C-alpha cells in the first residue's frame, strides 16, 4: 500500500467516526427531545444546518 492510500483510509475512518459521533451526541438527543414529528425533523435540520456552518467556517480557515 502506498502512503497516499493509507492517508485516504485514515481520513475515511476519521470521517466515519466524526459522523457517528455527531449522530450519537447531537442528532439523537435532538430527535428524542421532542414528541411531534415536525418538531423532531426541525431540530435535526437545525443541527445539520449548524454542522454545515461549522464545516464552512473550518474550510474557510484552512484555505485562507
C-alpha atoms as a PDB file:
ATOM      1  CA  UNK A   1       0.000   0.000   0.000  1.00  0.00           C
ATOM      2  CA  UNK A   2       1.200   3.452  -0.823  1.00  0.00           C
ATOM      3  CA  UNK A   3       1.346   6.316   1.625  1.00  0.00           C
ATOM      4  CA  UNK A   4      -1.401   8.103  -0.286  1.00  0.00           C
ATOM      5  CA  UNK A   5      -3.776   5.153   0.065  1.00  0.00           C
ATOM      6  CA  UNK A   6      -3.060   4.907   3.788  1.00  0.00           C
ATOM      7  CA  UNK A   7      -3.825   8.619   4.142  1.00  0.00           C
ATOM      8  CA  UNK A   8      -7.157   8.155   2.343  1.00  0.00           C
ATOM      9  CA  UNK A   9      -8.079   5.200   4.546  1.00  0.00           C
ATOM     10  CA  UNK A  10      -7.234   7.117   7.729  1.00  0.00           C
ATOM     11  CA  UNK A  11      -9.232  10.144   6.528  1.00  0.00           C
ATOM     12  CA  UNK A  12     -12.223   7.932   5.669  1.00  0.00           C
ATOM     13  CA  UNK A  13     -12.165   6.202   9.058  1.00  0.00           C
ATOM     14  CA  UNK A  14     -11.873   9.539  10.864  1.00  0.00           C
ATOM     15  CA  UNK A  15     -14.738  10.946   8.788  1.00  0.00           C
ATOM     16  CA  UNK A  16     -16.941   7.977   9.677  1.00  0.00           C
ATOM     17  CA  UNK A  17     -16.090   8.390  13.361  1.00  0.00           C
ATOM     18  CA  UNK A  18     -16.978  12.083  13.234  1.00  0.00           C
ATOM     19  CA  UNK A  19     -20.298  11.397  11.503  1.00  0.00           C
ATOM     20  CA  UNK A  20     -21.084   8.680  14.053  1.00  0.00           C
ATOM     21  CA  UNK A  21     -20.217  10.941  16.975  1.00  0.00           C
ATOM     22  CA  UNK A  22     -22.325  13.751  15.521  1.00  0.00           C
ATOM     23  CA  UNK A  23     -25.280  11.406  15.133  1.00  0.00           C
ATOM     24  CA  UNK A  24     -24.831   9.962  18.628  1.00  0.00           C
ATOM     25  CA  UNK A  25     -24.179  13.173  20.563  1.00  0.00           C
ATOM     26  CA  UNK A  26     -26.184  15.750  18.583  1.00  0.00           C
ATOM     27  CA  UNK A  27     -28.859  14.228  16.331  1.00  0.00           C
ATOM     28  CA  UNK A  28     -30.077  11.501  18.678  1.00  0.00           C
ATOM     29  CA  UNK A  29     -30.696  13.858  21.646  1.00  0.00           C
ATOM     30  CA  UNK A  30     -32.299  16.408  19.307  1.00  0.00           C
ATOM     31  CA  UNK A  31     -34.619  13.697  17.976  1.00  0.00           C
ATOM     32  CA  UNK A  32     -35.618  12.456  21.436  1.00  0.00           C
ATOM     33  CA  UNK A  33     -36.206  15.935  22.841  1.00  0.00           C
ATOM     34  CA  UNK A  34     -39.489  16.429  21.002  1.00  0.00           C
ATOM     35  CA  UNK A  35     -42.728  14.463  20.602  1.00  0.00           C
ATOM     36  CA  UNK A  36     -44.144  15.741  17.332  1.00  0.00           C
ATOM     37  CA  UNK A  37     -42.580  14.559  14.101  1.00  0.00           C
ATOM     38  CA  UNK A  38     -42.341  18.043  12.603  1.00  0.00           C
ATOM     39  CA  UNK A  39     -40.511  19.300  15.707  1.00  0.00           C
ATOM     40  CA  UNK A  40     -38.104  16.363  15.537  1.00  0.00           C
ATOM     41  CA  UNK A  41     -37.406  16.985  11.857  1.00  0.00           C
ATOM     42  CA  UNK A  42     -36.920  20.704  12.501  1.00  0.00           C
ATOM     43  CA  UNK A  43     -34.453  20.009  15.346  1.00  0.00           C
ATOM     44  CA  UNK A  44     -32.439  17.630  13.161  1.00  0.00           C
ATOM     45  CA  UNK A  45     -32.485  20.092  10.268  1.00  0.00           C
ATOM     46  CA  UNK A  46     -31.190  22.880  12.504  1.00  0.00           C
ATOM     47  CA  UNK A  47     -28.479  20.595  13.889  1.00  0.00           C
ATOM     48  CA  UNK A  48     -27.382  19.731  10.348  1.00  0.00           C
ATOM     49  CA  UNK A  49     -27.510  23.414   9.421  1.00  0.00           C
ATOM     50  CA  UNK A  50     -25.165  24.239  12.309  1.00  0.00           C
ATOM     51  CA  UNK A  51     -22.854  21.392  11.263  1.00  0.00           C
ATOM     52  CA  UNK A  52     -22.744  22.744   7.718  1.00  0.00           C
ATOM     53  CA  UNK A  53     -21.974  26.240   9.020  1.00  0.00           C
ATOM     54  CA  UNK A  54     -19.140  24.926  11.204  1.00  0.00           C
ATOM     55  CA  UNK A  55     -17.683  22.931   8.313  1.00  0.00           C
ATOM     56  CA  UNK A  56     -17.860  26.013   6.078  1.00  0.00           C
ATOM     57  CA  UNK A  57     -16.063  28.185   8.626  1.00  0.00           C
ATOM     58  CA  UNK A  58     -13.457  25.458   9.168  1.00  0.00           C
ATOM     59  CA  UNK A  59     -12.876  25.059   5.435  1.00  0.00           C
ATOM     60  CA  UNK A  60     -12.569  28.806   5.006  1.00  0.00           C
ATOM     61  CA  UNK A  61      -9.942  28.865   7.753  1.00  0.00           C
ATOM     62  CA  UNK A  62      -7.951  26.093   6.131  1.00  0.00           C
ATOM     63  CA  UNK A  63      -7.939  27.628   2.661  1.00  0.00           C
ATOM     64  CA  UNK A  64      -7.226  31.145   3.770  1.00  0.00           C
END
